[in-house]
Amino acid sequence: MPKDMFFAISKEKRDFVIDACFKEFSTKLYQDITISSLAKNASISRGTFYNYFDSVGSCLTYLITLLQKTDMLIYQIYLKRMILIFLERLEICLHMTMINF
């Protein structure tokens, strides 16, 4: 997980670092990823990377956490949509029932 220093930088810079790390993990095997390669892709020094993360593993853990949150958000949006569709159909059924009375 990131250190507090990571959250002290601008959102734009955080997003840039995150995107660079995602690209690195999506194109290489875990054992081939180093602090140096992550830092290089994020256009930061190794020292700066260590200000943000303790290790390659802690960076990966954070990326997985972000993906889980994204998946949960997508699921919540989908669920809300399904509920709205259900309620619309229920309203139509109730309206049709009232007309037939």
Protein backbone atom coordinates (compact mmCIF):
# COMPACT_ATOMS: atom_id res chain seq x y z
CA MET A 1 0.00 0.00 0.00
CA PRO A 2 1.15 3.56 -0.59
CA LYS A 3 2.79 5.69 2.03
CA ASP A 4 1.25 8.98 3.15
CA MET A 5 3.65 10.88 0.89
CA PHE A 6 1.90 9.36 -2.15
CA PHE A 7 -1.38 10.98 -1.17
CA ALA A 8 0.34 14.32 -0.61
CA ILE A 9 1.14 14.72 -4.32
CA SER A 10 -1.38 16.06 -6.82
CA LYS A 11 -4.09 13.74 -8.10
CA GLU A 12 -2.74 14.24 -11.61
CA LYS A 13 0.71 13.02 -10.57
CA ARG A 14 -0.78 10.10 -8.59
CA ASP A 15 -2.83 9.07 -11.62
CA PHE A 16 0.26 9.27 -13.82
CA VAL A 17 2.23 7.03 -11.44
CA ILE A 18 -0.67 4.59 -11.14
CA ASP A 19 -1.11 4.40 -14.92
CA ALA A 20 2.61 3.82 -15.40
CA CYS A 21 2.58 1.03 -12.81
CA PHE A 22 -0.49 -0.59 -14.40
CA LYS A 23 1.28 -0.56 -17.76
CA GLU A 24 4.37 -2.14 -16.25
CA PHE A 25 2.41 -4.92 -14.53
CA SER A 26 0.36 -5.57 -17.66
CA THR A 27 3.38 -6.01 -19.92
CA LYS A 28 5.88 -7.89 -17.72
CA LEU A 29 5.96 -10.87 -15.43
CA TYR A 30 6.04 -10.01 -11.73
CA GLN A 31 9.56 -11.37 -11.29
CA ASP A 32 10.79 -9.09 -14.09
CA ILE A 33 9.46 -5.90 -12.52
CA THR A 34 11.84 -3.83 -10.43
CA ILE A 35 11.63 -0.59 -8.50
CA SER A 36 13.87 0.90 -11.18
CA SER A 37 11.55 -0.11 -14.04
CA LEU A 38 8.45 1.15 -12.19
CA ALA A 39 10.16 4.44 -11.37
CA LYS A 40 11.44 4.88 -14.92
CA ASN A 41 7.98 4.33 -16.42
CA ALA A 42 6.48 6.77 -13.93
CA SER A 43 9.19 9.34 -14.74
CA ILE A 44 10.31 9.51 -11.12
CA SER A 45 13.52 8.57 -9.34
CA ARG A 46 13.92 5.34 -7.40
CA GLY A 47 14.13 7.40 -4.21
CA THR A 48 10.85 9.10 -5.00
CA PHE A 49 9.27 5.72 -5.68
CA TYR A 50 10.41 4.56 -2.24
CA ASN A 51 8.77 7.68 -0.81
CA TYR A 52 5.51 6.36 -2.26
CA PHE A 53 5.81 2.57 -1.86
CA ASP A 54 7.91 0.16 0.21
CA SER A 55 8.31 -2.41 -2.55
CA VAL A 56 7.11 -3.76 -5.88
CA GLY A 57 4.71 -5.93 -3.88
CA SER A 58 3.17 -3.01 -2.02
CA CYS A 59 2.63 -1.23 -5.33
CA LEU A 60 0.93 -4.31 -6.78
CA THR A 61 -1.25 -4.66 -3.67
CA TYR A 62 -2.43 -1.08 -4.12
CA LEU A 63 -3.19 -1.63 -7.81
CA ILE A 64 -5.25 -4.71 -6.95
CA THR A 65 -7.13 -2.70 -4.32
CA LEU A 66 -7.92 -0.05 -6.93
CA LEU A 67 -9.19 -2.71 -9.33
CA GLN A 68 -11.40 -4.21 -6.64
CA LYS A 69 -12.89 -0.79 -5.89
CA THR A 70 -13.48 -0.20 -9.58
CA ASP A 71 -15.17 -3.59 -9.95
CA MET A 72 -17.37 -2.84 -6.92
CA LEU A 73 -18.36 0.54 -8.37
CA ILE A 74 -19.23 -1.04 -11.72
CA TYR A 75 -21.27 -3.70 -9.92
CA GLN A 76 -23.12 -1.05 -7.89
CA ILE A 77 -23.95 0.92 -11.04
CA TYR A 78 -25.18 -2.27 -12.73
CA LEU A 79 -27.25 -3.22 -9.69
CA LYS A 80 -28.87 0.22 -9.50
CA ARG A 81 -29.73 0.01 -13.18
CA MET A 82 -31.32 -3.41 -12.72
CA ILE A 83 -33.35 -2.13 -9.77
CA LEU A 84 -34.58 0.84 -11.82
CA ILE A 85 -35.62 -1.45 -14.66
CA PHE A 86 -37.43 -3.70 -12.21
CA LEU A 87 -39.25 -0.74 -10.65
CA GLU A 88 -40.24 0.62 -14.06
CA ARG A 89 -41.67 -2.76 -15.02
CA LEU A 90 -43.46 -3.06 -11.69
CA GLU A 91 -44.97 0.38 -12.19
CA ILE A 92 -46.21 -0.64 -15.65
CA CYS A 93 -47.74 -3.82 -14.21
CA LEU A 94 -49.46 -1.90 -11.42
CA HIS A 95 -50.72 0.68 -13.85
CA MET A 96 -52.13 -2.06 -16.11
CA THR A 97 -53.77 -3.71 -13.09
CA MET A 98 -55.41 -0.41 -12.09
CA ILE A 99 -56.73 0.09 -15.61
CA ASN A 100 -58.30 -3.38 -15.60
CA PHE A 101 -60.12 -2.70 -12.33
